[in-house]
Amino acid sequence: MLFLNFGQQVGGYMNFAEAEATGSSAHVVGMWSDAERHQYNPQTNIFTFYMTDEQGDQRRVEYHNPKPANFEDAEKLVIQGKIQGDVFRAEHILVKCPSKYNETQGPAMTS
């Protein structure tokens, strides 16, 4: 029953145009637009920023929580929510930061 309800609430991974066309809740992957202003208003508890999806469509995002940790370091963002008018209202934000390990300096492997 819980699985069925969750499946009806979240439409899966989409870009902004698809999320707008379906009107359903969706996950959108993209990058925050650092050229645009981002701010947190403590009176309303709303963090606003602009994000560009993987197709290049940029939208304003409103998140009713403080700015997530490591936001400026994000390699990618995954936001879950719904488009209302010209604004994506995010319920959740997943910040994907670059790995602290790379191919040449990964952790030592022992046999």
PDB file of N, CA and C in Angstrom:
ATOM      1  N   MET A   1       0.830  -1.193   0.000  1.00  0.00           N
ATOM      2  CA  MET A   1       0.000   0.000   0.000  1.00  0.00           C
ATOM      3  C   MET A   1       0.871   1.252   0.000  1.00  0.00           C
ATOM      4  N   LEU A   2       1.895   1.291   0.845  1.00  0.00           N
ATOM      5  CA  LEU A   2       2.795   2.432   0.900  1.00  0.00           C
ATOM      6  C   LEU A   2       3.508   2.615  -0.426  1.00  0.00           C
ATOM      7  N   PHE A   3       3.955   1.520  -1.041  1.00  0.00           N
ATOM      8  CA  PHE A   3       4.648   1.585  -2.331  1.00  0.00           C
ATOM      9  C   PHE A   3       3.724   2.170  -3.392  1.00  0.00           C
ATOM     10  N   LEU A   4       2.475   1.764  -3.397  1.00  0.00           N
ATOM     11  CA  LEU A   4       1.504   2.266  -4.363  1.00  0.00           C
ATOM     12  C   LEU A   4       1.294   3.767  -4.194  1.00  0.00           C
ATOM     13  N   ASN A   5       1.146   4.236  -2.964  1.00  0.00           N
ATOM     14  CA  ASN A   5       0.954   5.662  -2.716  1.00  0.00           C
ATOM     15  C   ASN A   5       2.164   6.474  -3.127  1.00  0.00           C
ATOM     16  N   PHE A   6       3.373   5.998  -2.820  1.00  0.00           N
ATOM     17  CA  PHE A   6       4.582   6.716  -3.200  1.00  0.00           C
ATOM     18  C   PHE A   6       4.701   6.779  -4.720  1.00  0.00           C
ATOM     19  N   GLY A   7       4.370   5.692  -5.399  1.00  0.00           N
ATOM     20  CA  GLY A   7       4.439   5.652  -6.859  1.00  0.00           C
ATOM     21  C   GLY A   7       3.506   6.652  -7.508  1.00  0.00           C
ATOM     22  N   GLN A   8       2.387   6.925  -6.897  1.00  0.00           N
ATOM     23  CA  GLN A   8       1.443   7.885  -7.454  1.00  0.00           C
ATOM     24  C   GLN A   8       1.881   9.326  -7.201  1.00  0.00           C
ATOM     25  N   GLN A   9       2.673   9.539  -6.176  1.00  0.00           N
ATOM     26  CA  GLN A   9       3.073  10.893  -5.829  1.00  0.00           C
ATOM     27  C   GLN A   9       4.260  11.384  -6.629  1.00  0.00           C
ATOM     28  N   VAL A  10       5.167  10.499  -6.993  1.00  0.00           N
ATOM     29  CA  VAL A  10       6.400  10.910  -7.655  1.00  0.00           C
ATOM     30  C   VAL A  10       6.425  10.352  -9.064  1.00  0.00           C
ATOM     31  N   GLY A  11       6.537  11.241 -10.050  1.00  0.00           N
ATOM     32  CA  GLY A  11       6.489  10.832 -11.440  1.00  0.00           C
ATOM     33  C   GLY A  11       7.805  10.334 -11.994  1.00  0.00           C
ATOM     34  N   GLY A  12       8.865  10.270 -11.238  1.00  0.00           N
ATOM     35  CA  GLY A  12      10.141   9.792 -11.740  1.00  0.00           C
ATOM     36  C   GLY A  12      11.036  10.933 -12.173  1.00  0.00           C
ATOM     37  N   TYR A  13      12.135  10.584 -12.858  1.00  0.00           N
ATOM     38  CA  TYR A  13      13.101  11.586 -13.316  1.00  0.00           C
ATOM     39  C   TYR A  13      12.604  12.228 -14.603  1.00  0.00           C
ATOM     40  N   MET A  14      12.567  13.550 -14.602  1.00  0.00           N
ATOM     41  CA  MET A  14      12.099  14.322 -15.752  1.00  0.00           C
ATOM     42  C   MET A  14      12.931  15.586 -15.854  1.00  0.00           C
ATOM     43  N   ASN A  15      12.805  16.276 -16.972  1.00  0.00           N
ATOM     44  CA  ASN A  15      13.361  17.624 -17.057  1.00  0.00           C
ATOM     45  C   ASN A  15      12.240  18.589 -16.685  1.00  0.00           C
ATOM     46  N   PHE A  16      12.549  19.887 -16.640  1.00  0.00           N
ATOM     47  CA  PHE A  16      11.530  20.861 -16.228  1.00  0.00           C
ATOM     48  C   PHE A  16      10.321  20.861 -17.160  1.00  0.00           C
ATOM     49  N   ALA A  17      10.543  20.760 -18.461  1.00  0.00           N
ATOM     50  CA  ALA A  17       9.437  20.789 -19.423  1.00  0.00           C
ATOM     51  C   ALA A  17       8.506  19.593 -19.222  1.00  0.00           C
ATOM     52  N   GLU A  18       9.071  18.418 -18.996  1.00  0.00           N
ATOM     53  CA  GLU A  18       8.250  17.228 -18.767  1.00  0.00           C
ATOM     54  C   GLU A  18       7.481  17.340 -17.456  1.00  0.00           C
ATOM     55  N   ALA A  19       8.136  17.844 -16.424  1.00  0.00           N
ATOM     56  CA  ALA A  19       7.471  18.012 -15.131  1.00  0.00           C
ATOM     57  C   ALA A  19       6.306  18.998 -15.251  1.00  0.00           C
ATOM     58  N   GLU A  20       6.516  20.056 -16.027  1.00  0.00           N
ATOM     59  CA  GLU A  20       5.444  21.036 -16.229  1.00  0.00           C
ATOM     60  C   GLU A  20       4.296  20.427 -17.025  1.00  0.00           C
ATOM     61  N   ALA A  21       4.613  19.652 -18.061  1.00  0.00           N
ATOM     62  CA  ALA A  21       3.578  19.058 -18.914  1.00  0.00           C
ATOM     63  C   ALA A  21       2.733  18.031 -18.163  1.00  0.00           C
ATOM     64  N   THR A  22       3.361  17.244 -17.299  1.00  0.00           N
ATOM     65  CA  THR A  22       2.609  16.218 -16.575  1.00  0.00           C
ATOM     66  C   THR A  22       1.869  16.783 -15.364  1.00  0.00           C
ATOM     67  N   GLY A  23       2.418  17.842 -14.778  1.00  0.00           N
ATOM     68  CA  GLY A  23       1.801  18.411 -13.582  1.00  0.00           C
ATOM     69  C   GLY A  23       1.996  17.565 -12.344  1.00  0.00           C
ATOM     70  N   SER A  24       2.779  16.493 -12.469  1.00  0.00           N
ATOM     71  CA  SER A  24       2.979  15.615 -11.320  1.00  0.00           C
ATOM     72  C   SER A  24       4.286  15.941 -10.607  1.00  0.00           C
ATOM     73  N   SER A  25       4.454  15.376  -9.449  1.00  0.00           N
ATOM     74  CA  SER A  25       5.692  15.527  -8.709  1.00  0.00           C
ATOM     75  C   SER A  25       6.778  14.761  -9.448  1.00  0.00           C
ATOM     76  N   ALA A  26       7.969  15.351  -9.515  1.00  0.00           N
ATOM     77  CA  ALA A  26       9.044  14.753 -10.294  1.00  0.00           C
ATOM     78  C   ALA A  26      10.391  15.013  -9.655  1.00  0.00           C
ATOM     79  N   HIS A  27      11.371  14.223 -10.059  1.00  0.00           N
ATOM     80  CA  HIS A  27      12.770  14.452  -9.723  1.00  0.00           C
ATOM     81  C   HIS A  27      13.405  15.105 -10.942  1.00  0.00           C
ATOM     82  N   VAL A  28      14.078  16.232 -10.746  1.00  0.00           N
ATOM     83  CA  VAL A  28      14.771  16.920 -11.836  1.00  0.00           C
ATOM     84  C   VAL A  28      16.244  17.013 -11.464  1.00  0.00           C
ATOM     85  N   VAL A  29      17.114  16.635 -12.408  1.00  0.00           N
ATOM     86  CA  VAL A  29      18.559  16.665 -12.202  1.00  0.00           C
ATOM     87  C   VAL A  29      19.116  17.879 -12.923  1.00  0.00           C
ATOM     88  N   GLY A  30      20.030  18.583 -12.284  1.00  0.00           N
ATOM     89  CA  GLY A  30      20.642  19.745 -12.926  1.00  0.00           C
ATOM     90  C   GLY A  30      21.714  20.369 -12.070  1.00  0.00           C
ATOM     91  N   MET A  31      22.075  21.579 -12.452  1.00  0.00           N
ATOM     92  CA  MET A  31      23.096  22.360 -11.745  1.00  0.00           C
ATOM     93  C   MET A  31      22.476  23.680 -11.315  1.00  0.00           C
ATOM     94  N   TRP A  32      22.862  24.151 -10.130  1.00  0.00           N
ATOM     95  CA  TRP A  32      22.393  25.476  -9.723  1.00  0.00           C
ATOM     96  C   TRP A  32      23.125  26.503 -10.571  1.00  0.00           C
ATOM     97  N   SER A  33      22.443  27.552 -10.919  1.00  0.00           N
ATOM     98  CA  SER A  33      22.998  28.606 -11.770  1.00  0.00           C
ATOM     99  C   SER A  33      23.692  29.622 -10.880  1.00  0.00           C
ATOM    100  N   ASP A  34      25.013  29.503 -10.779  1.00  0.00           N
ATOM    101  CA  ASP A  34      25.745  30.385  -9.864  1.00  0.00           C
ATOM    102  C   ASP A  34      25.807  31.825 -10.358  1.00  0.00           C
ATOM    103  N   ALA A  35      25.441  32.069 -11.611  1.00  0.00           N
ATOM    104  CA  ALA A  35      25.392  33.444 -12.120  1.00  0.00           C
ATOM    105  C   ALA A  35      24.148  34.176 -11.602  1.00  0.00           C
ATOM    106  N   GLU A  36      23.158  33.414 -11.167  1.00  0.00           N
ATOM    107  CA  GLU A  36      21.924  33.994 -10.634  1.00  0.00           C
ATOM    108  C   GLU A  36      22.008  34.052  -9.110  1.00  0.00           C
ATOM    109  N   ARG A  37      21.258  34.936  -8.533  1.00  0.00           N
ATOM    110  CA  ARG A  37      21.262  35.122  -7.080  1.00  0.00           C
ATOM    111  C   ARG A  37      20.546  33.966  -6.387  1.00  0.00           C
ATOM    112  N   HIS A  38      21.108  33.515  -5.286  1.00  0.00           N
ATOM    113  CA  HIS A  38      20.421  32.565  -4.421  1.00  0.00           C
ATOM    114  C   HIS A  38      20.395  33.161  -3.013  1.00  0.00           C
ATOM    115  N   GLN A  39      19.300  32.926  -2.303  1.00  0.00           N
ATOM    116  CA  GLN A  39      19.171  33.526  -0.975  1.00  0.00           C
ATOM    117  C   GLN A  39      18.233  32.714  -0.094  1.00  0.00           C
ATOM    118  N   TYR A  40      18.425  32.883   1.200  1.00  0.00           N
ATOM    119  CA  TYR A  40      17.555  32.270   2.194  1.00  0.00           C
ATOM    120  C   TYR A  40      16.890  33.378   2.994  1.00  0.00           C
ATOM    121  N   ASN A  41      15.574  33.318   3.108  1.00  0.00           N
ATOM    122  CA  ASN A  41      14.816  34.288   3.888  1.00  0.00           C
ATOM    123  C   ASN A  41      14.384  33.616   5.193  1.00  0.00           C
ATOM    124  N   PRO A  42      15.011  33.976   6.332  1.00  0.00           N
ATOM    125  CA  PRO A  42      14.663  33.312   7.595  1.00  0.00           C
ATOM    126  C   PRO A  42      13.244  33.606   8.076  1.00  0.00           C
ATOM    127  N   GLN A  43      12.666  34.741   7.683  1.00  0.00           N
ATOM    128  CA  GLN A  43      11.290  35.047   8.109  1.00  0.00           C
ATOM    129  C   GLN A  43      10.284  34.084   7.485  1.00  0.00           C
ATOM    130  N   THR A  44      10.483  33.743   6.216  1.00  0.00           N
ATOM    131  CA  THR A  44       9.556  32.839   5.531  1.00  0.00           C
ATOM    132  C   THR A  44      10.070  31.405   5.475  1.00  0.00           C
ATOM    133  N   ASN A  45      11.338  31.193   5.870  1.00  0.00           N
ATOM    134  CA  ASN A  45      11.991  29.884   5.806  1.00  0.00           C
ATOM    135  C   ASN A  45      11.989  29.344   4.368  1.00  0.00           C
ATOM    136  N   ILE A  46      12.327  30.225   3.411  1.00  0.00           N
ATOM    137  CA  ILE A  46      12.368  29.822   2.000  1.00  0.00           C
ATOM    138  C   ILE A  46      13.749  30.122   1.434  1.00  0.00           C
ATOM    139  N   PHE A  47      14.347  29.095   0.841  1.00  0.00           N
ATOM    140  CA  PHE A  47      15.607  29.215   0.114  1.00  0.00           C
ATOM    141  C   PHE A  47      15.262  29.231  -1.374  1.00  0.00           C
ATOM    142  N   THR A  48      15.703  30.260  -2.087  1.00  0.00           N
ATOM    143  CA  THR A  48      15.431  30.363  -3.520  1.00  0.00           C
ATOM    144  C   THR A  48      16.738  30.382  -4.294  1.00  0.00           C
ATOM    145  N   PHE A  49      16.713  29.734  -5.453  1.00  0.00           N
ATOM    146  CA  PHE A  49      17.869  29.704  -6.350  1.00  0.00           C
ATOM    147  C   PHE A  49      17.378  29.360  -7.748  1.00  0.00           C
ATOM    148  N   TYR A  50      18.258  29.439  -8.714  1.00  0.00           N
ATOM    149  CA  TYR A  50      17.944  29.066 -10.085  1.00  0.00           C
ATOM    150  C   TYR A  50      18.722  27.820 -10.438  1.00  0.00           C
ATOM    151  N   MET A  51      18.062  26.903 -11.133  1.00  0.00           N
ATOM    152  CA  MET A  51      18.704  25.661 -11.541  1.00  0.00           C
ATOM    153  C   MET A  51      18.482  25.446 -13.030  1.00  0.00           C
ATOM    154  N   THR A  52      19.504  24.914 -13.693  1.00  0.00           N
ATOM    155  CA  THR A  52      19.423  24.558 -15.106  1.00  0.00           C
ATOM    156  C   THR A  52      19.395  23.043 -15.198  1.00  0.00           C
ATOM    157  N   ASP A  53      18.357  22.504 -15.865  1.00  0.00           N
ATOM    158  CA  ASP A  53      18.269  21.048 -15.998  1.00  0.00           C
ATOM    159  C   ASP A  53      19.227  20.554 -17.080  1.00  0.00           C
ATOM    160  N   GLU A  54      19.285  19.265 -17.292  1.00  0.00           N
ATOM    161  CA  GLU A  54      20.242  18.681 -18.227  1.00  0.00           C
ATOM    162  C   GLU A  54      19.950  19.019 -19.687  1.00  0.00           C
ATOM    163  N   GLN A  55      18.772  19.593 -19.981  1.00  0.00           N
ATOM    164  CA  GLN A  55      18.451  20.036 -21.331  1.00  0.00           C
ATOM    165  C   GLN A  55      18.704  21.526 -21.524  1.00  0.00           C
ATOM    166  N   GLY A  56      19.163  22.208 -20.468  1.00  0.00           N
ATOM    167  CA  GLY A  56      19.489  23.627 -20.559  1.00  0.00           C
ATOM    168  C   GLY A  56      18.361  24.571 -20.175  1.00  0.00           C
ATOM    169  N   ASP A  57      17.242  24.049 -19.701  1.00  0.00           N
ATOM    170  CA  ASP A  57      16.104  24.870 -19.274  1.00  0.00           C
ATOM    171  C   ASP A  57      16.370  25.356 -17.849  1.00  0.00           C
ATOM    172  N   GLN A  58      16.299  26.657 -17.628  1.00  0.00           N
ATOM    173  CA  GLN A  58      16.552  27.228 -16.303  1.00  0.00           C
ATOM    174  C   GLN A  58      15.244  27.652 -15.654  1.00  0.00           C
ATOM    175  N   ARG A  59      15.090  27.321 -14.373  1.00  0.00           N
ATOM    176  CA  ARG A  59      13.893  27.697 -13.610  1.00  0.00           C
ATOM    177  C   ARG A  59      14.281  28.180 -12.230  1.00  0.00           C
ATOM    178  N   ARG A  60      13.420  28.997 -11.683  1.00  0.00           N
ATOM    179  CA  ARG A  60      13.561  29.404 -10.288  1.00  0.00           C
ATOM    180  C   ARG A  60      13.051  28.258  -9.418  1.00  0.00           C
ATOM    181  N   VAL A  61      13.772  27.997  -8.333  1.00  0.00           N
ATOM    182  CA  VAL A  61      13.396  26.929  -7.412  1.00  0.00           C
ATOM    183  C   VAL A  61      13.170  27.539  -6.041  1.00  0.00           C
ATOM    184  N   GLU A  62      12.082  27.157  -5.399  1.00  0.00           N
ATOM    185  CA  GLU A  62      11.793  27.561  -4.028  1.00  0.00           C
ATOM    186  C   GLU A  62      11.771  26.314  -3.164  1.00  0.00           C
ATOM    187  N   TYR A  63      12.493  26.388  -2.052  1.00  0.00           N
ATOM    188  CA  TYR A  63      12.613  25.264  -1.122  1.00  0.00           C
ATOM    189  C   TYR A  63      12.282  25.783   0.264  1.00  0.00           C
ATOM    190  N   HIS A  64      11.270  25.216   0.905  1.00  0.00           N
ATOM    191  CA  HIS A  64      10.812  25.693   2.212  1.00  0.00           C
ATOM    192  C   HIS A  64      11.627  25.078   3.341  1.00  0.00           C
ATOM    193  N   ASN A  65      12.921  25.366   3.299  1.00  0.00           N
ATOM    194  CA  ASN A  65      13.891  24.949   4.306  1.00  0.00           C
ATOM    195  C   ASN A  65      15.139  25.796   4.106  1.00  0.00           C
ATOM    196  N   PRO A  66      16.055  25.774   5.058  1.00  0.00           N
ATOM    197  CA  PRO A  66      17.323  26.487   4.851  1.00  0.00           C
ATOM    198  C   PRO A  66      18.131  25.870   3.702  1.00  0.00           C
ATOM    199  N   LYS A  67      19.119  26.617   3.250  1.00  0.00           N
ATOM    200  CA  LYS A  67      20.012  26.147   2.191  1.00  0.00           C
ATOM    201  C   LYS A  67      20.693  24.857   2.631  1.00  0.00           C
ATOM    202  N   PRO A  68      20.707  23.834   1.780  1.00  0.00           N
ATOM    203  CA  PRO A  68      21.380  22.581   2.150  1.00  0.00           C
ATOM    204  C   PRO A  68      22.888  22.769   2.327  1.00  0.00           C
ATOM    205  N   ALA A  69      23.469  21.960   3.196  1.00  0.00           N
ATOM    206  CA  ALA A  69      24.921  21.981   3.393  1.00  0.00           C
ATOM    207  C   ALA A  69      25.609  21.629   2.080  1.00  0.00           C
ATOM    208  N   ASN A  70      26.757  22.229   1.847  1.00  0.00           N
ATOM    209  CA  ASN A  70      27.577  21.990   0.649  1.00  0.00           C
ATOM    210  C   ASN A  70      26.900  22.396  -0.658  1.00  0.00           C
ATOM    211  N   PHE A  71      25.899  23.247  -0.595  1.00  0.00           N
ATOM    212  CA  PHE A  71      25.168  23.640  -1.800  1.00  0.00           C
ATOM    213  C   PHE A  71      26.096  24.214  -2.869  1.00  0.00           C
ATOM    214  N   GLU A  72      26.987  25.124  -2.461  1.00  0.00           N
ATOM    215  CA  GLU A  72      27.886  25.763  -3.431  1.00  0.00           C
ATOM    216  C   GLU A  72      28.901  24.796  -4.029  1.00  0.00           C
ATOM    217  N   ASP A  73      29.162  23.672  -3.357  1.00  0.00           N
ATOM    218  CA  ASP A  73      30.115  22.676  -3.845  1.00  0.00           C
ATOM    219  C   ASP A  73      29.469  21.629  -4.739  1.00  0.00           C
ATOM    220  N   ALA A  74      28.178  21.736  -4.962  1.00  0.00           N
ATOM    221  CA  ALA A  74      27.444  20.693  -5.682  1.00  0.00           C
ATOM    222  C   ALA A  74      27.962  20.484  -7.096  1.00  0.00           C
ATOM    223  N   GLU A  75      28.146  19.225  -7.421  1.00  0.00           N
ATOM    224  CA  GLU A  75      28.458  18.821  -8.789  1.00  0.00           C
ATOM    225  C   GLU A  75      27.153  18.734  -9.574  1.00  0.00           C
ATOM    226  N   LYS A  76      26.117  18.238  -8.903  1.00  0.00           N
ATOM    227  CA  LYS A  76      24.766  18.150  -9.454  1.00  0.00           C
ATOM    228  C   LYS A  76      23.779  18.254  -8.309  1.00  0.00           C
ATOM    229  N   LEU A  77      22.556  18.633  -8.665  1.00  0.00           N
ATOM    230  CA  LEU A  77      21.451  18.640  -7.715  1.00  0.00           C
ATOM    231  C   LEU A  77      20.357  17.730  -8.249  1.00  0.00           C
ATOM    232  N   VAL A  78      19.673  17.067  -7.346  1.00  0.00           N
ATOM    233  CA  VAL A  78      18.452  16.350  -7.684  1.00  0.00           C
ATOM    234  C   VAL A  78      17.377  16.966  -6.801  1.00  0.00           C
ATOM    235  N   ILE A  79      16.407  17.602  -7.438  1.00  0.00           N
ATOM    236  CA  ILE A  79      15.325  18.223  -6.680  1.00  0.00           C
ATOM    237  C   ILE A  79      14.042  17.444  -6.937  1.00  0.00           C
ATOM    238  N   GLN A  80      13.248  17.279  -5.898  1.00  0.00           N
ATOM    239  CA  GLN A  80      11.980  16.578  -6.021  1.00  0.00           C
ATOM    240  C   GLN A  80      10.880  17.544  -5.618  1.00  0.00           C
ATOM    241  N   GLY A  81       9.906  17.676  -6.474  1.00  0.00           N
ATOM    242  CA  GLY A  81       8.805  18.582  -6.203  1.00  0.00           C
ATOM    243  C   GLY A  81       7.922  18.724  -7.415  1.00  0.00           C
ATOM    244  N   LYS A  82       7.319  19.914  -7.538  1.00  0.00           N
ATOM    245  CA  LYS A  82       6.305  20.147  -8.558  1.00  0.00           C
ATOM    246  C   LYS A  82       6.428  21.564  -9.105  1.00  0.00           C
ATOM    247  N   ILE A  83       6.146  21.736 -10.372  1.00  0.00           N
ATOM    248  CA  ILE A  83       6.139  23.078 -10.956  1.00  0.00           C
ATOM    249  C   ILE A  83       4.774  23.713 -10.730  1.00  0.00           C
ATOM    250  N   GLN A  84       4.807  24.949 -10.230  1.00  0.00           N
ATOM    251  CA  GLN A  84       3.595  25.747 -10.057  1.00  0.00           C
ATOM    252  C   GLN A  84       3.866  27.091 -10.707  1.00  0.00           C
ATOM    253  N   GLY A  85       3.200  27.351 -11.816  1.00  0.00           N
ATOM    254  CA  GLY A  85       3.469  28.565 -12.585  1.00  0.00           C
ATOM    255  C   GLY A  85       4.844  28.460 -13.210  1.00  0.00           C
ATOM    256  N   ASP A  86       5.694  29.443 -12.978  1.00  0.00           N
ATOM    257  CA  ASP A  86       7.060  29.426 -13.507  1.00  0.00           C
ATOM    258  C   ASP A  86       8.078  28.962 -12.473  1.00  0.00           C
ATOM    259  N   VAL A  87       7.617  28.523 -11.303  1.00  0.00           N
ATOM    260  CA  VAL A  87       8.506  28.174 -10.192  1.00  0.00           C
ATOM    261  C   VAL A  87       8.419  26.680  -9.893  1.00  0.00           C
ATOM    262  N   PHE A  88       9.579  26.065  -9.678  1.00  0.00           N
ATOM    263  CA  PHE A  88       9.613  24.679  -9.215  1.00  0.00           C
ATOM    264  C   PHE A  88       9.639  24.718  -7.695  1.00  0.00           C
ATOM    265  N   ARG A  89       8.646  24.150  -7.052  1.00  0.00           N
ATOM    266  CA  ARG A  89       8.561  24.120  -5.594  1.00  0.00           C
ATOM    267  C   ARG A  89       9.137  22.787  -5.113  1.00  0.00           C
ATOM    268  N   ALA A  90      10.368  22.843  -4.617  1.00  0.00           N
ATOM    269  CA  ALA A  90      11.079  21.637  -4.201  1.00  0.00           C
ATOM    270  C   ALA A  90      10.678  21.222  -2.798  1.00  0.00           C
ATOM    271  N   GLU A  91      10.414  19.941  -2.633  1.00  0.00           N
ATOM    272  CA  GLU A  91      10.146  19.376  -1.320  1.00  0.00           C
ATOM    273  C   GLU A  91      11.416  18.764  -0.733  1.00  0.00           C
ATOM    274  N   HIS A  92      12.290  18.290  -1.620  1.00  0.00           N
ATOM    275  CA  HIS A  92      13.548  17.672  -1.202  1.00  0.00           C
ATOM    276  C   HIS A  92      14.649  18.082  -2.168  1.00  0.00           C
ATOM    277  N   ILE A  93      15.864  18.231  -1.651  1.00  0.00           N
ATOM    278  CA  ILE A  93      17.038  18.522  -2.480  1.00  0.00           C
ATOM    279  C   ILE A  93      18.144  17.558  -2.085  1.00  0.00           C
ATOM    280  N   LEU A  94      18.692  16.869  -3.077  1.00  0.00           N
ATOM    281  CA  LEU A  94      19.856  16.018  -2.870  1.00  0.00           C
ATOM    282  C   LEU A  94      21.041  16.713  -3.518  1.00  0.00           C
ATOM    283  N   VAL A  95      22.057  17.018  -2.721  1.00  0.00           N
ATOM    284  CA  VAL A  95      23.262  17.689  -3.208  1.00  0.00           C
ATOM    285  C   VAL A  95      24.302  16.620  -3.500  1.00  0.00           C
ATOM    286  N   LYS A  96      24.713  16.532  -4.762  1.00  0.00           N
ATOM    287  CA  LYS A  96      25.749  15.569  -5.144  1.00  0.00           C
ATOM    288  C   LYS A  96      27.054  16.318  -5.303  1.00  0.00           C
ATOM    289  N   CYS A  97      27.960  16.103  -4.357  1.00  0.00           N
ATOM    290  CA  CYS A  97      29.262  16.774  -4.376  1.00  0.00           C
ATOM    291  C   CYS A  97      30.299  15.896  -5.064  1.00  0.00           C
ATOM    292  N   PRO A  98      31.362  16.514  -5.583  1.00  0.00           N
ATOM    293  CA  PRO A  98      32.417  15.721  -6.199  1.00  0.00           C
ATOM    294  C   PRO A  98      33.037  14.775  -5.168  1.00  0.00           C
ATOM    295  N   SER A  99      33.450  13.633  -5.635  1.00  0.00           N
ATOM    296  CA  SER A  99      34.077  12.664  -4.750  1.00  0.00           C
ATOM    297  C   SER A  99      35.393  13.211  -4.238  1.00  0.00           C
ATOM    298  N   LYS A 100      35.678  12.923  -2.983  1.00  0.00           N
ATOM    299  CA  LYS A 100      36.960  13.377  -2.441  1.00  0.00           C
ATOM    300  C   LYS A 100      38.092  12.472  -2.909  1.00  0.00           C
ATOM    301  N   TYR A 101      37.741  11.393  -3.592  1.00  0.00           N
ATOM    302  CA  TYR A 101      38.743  10.497  -4.163  1.00  0.00           C
ATOM    303  C   TYR A 101      38.665  10.586  -5.681  1.00  0.00           C
ATOM    304  N   ASN A 102      39.800  10.507  -6.319  1.00  0.00           N
ATOM    305  CA  ASN A 102      39.791  10.410  -7.773  1.00  0.00           C
ATOM    306  C   ASN A 102      40.585   9.173  -8.167  1.00  0.00           C
ATOM    307  N   GLU A 103      40.683   8.897  -9.453  1.00  0.00           N
ATOM    308  CA  GLU A 103      41.311   7.667  -9.909  1.00  0.00           C
ATOM    309  C   GLU A 103      42.783   7.570  -9.514  1.00  0.00           C
ATOM    310  N   THR A 104      43.494   8.683  -9.481  1.00  0.00           N
ATOM    311  CA  THR A 104      44.915   8.631  -9.188  1.00  0.00           C
ATOM    312  C   THR A 104      45.222   8.690  -7.694  1.00  0.00           C
ATOM    313  N   GLN A 105      44.285   9.187  -6.904  1.00  0.00           N
ATOM    314  CA  GLN A 105      44.556   9.328  -5.476  1.00  0.00           C
ATOM    315  C   GLN A 105      43.469   8.672  -4.635  1.00  0.00           C
ATOM    316  N   GLY A 106      42.989   7.524  -5.059  1.00  0.00           N
ATOM    317  CA  GLY A 106      41.957   6.814  -4.324  1.00  0.00           C
ATOM    318  C   GLY A 106      42.524   6.177  -3.074  1.00  0.00           C
ATOM    319  N   PRO A 107      41.680   5.595  -2.258  1.00  0.00           N
ATOM    320  CA  PRO A 107      42.158   4.925  -1.046  1.00  0.00           C
ATOM    321  C   PRO A 107      43.013   3.726  -1.416  1.00  0.00           C
ATOM    322  N   ALA A 108      43.963   3.414  -0.583  1.00  0.00           N
ATOM    323  CA  ALA A 108      44.849   2.276  -0.846  1.00  0.00           C
ATOM    324  C   ALA A 108      44.053   0.976  -0.746  1.00  0.00           C
ATOM    325  N   MET A 109      44.255   0.111  -1.705  1.00  0.00           N
ATOM    326  CA  MET A 109      43.565  -1.180  -1.715  1.00  0.00           C
ATOM    327  C   MET A 109      44.571  -2.250  -1.298  1.00  0.00           C
ATOM    328  N   THR A 110      44.191  -3.113  -0.403  1.00  0.00           N
ATOM    329  CA  THR A 110      45.059  -4.198   0.031  1.00  0.00           C
ATOM    330  C   THR A 110      44.407  -5.515  -0.302  1.00  0.00           C
ATOM    331  N   SER A 111      45.232  -6.544  -0.524  1.00  0.00           N
ATOM    332  CA  SER A 111      44.708  -7.864  -0.842  1.00  0.00           C
ATOM    333  C   SER A 111      44.590  -8.701   0.392  1.00  0.00           C
TER     334      SER A 111
END
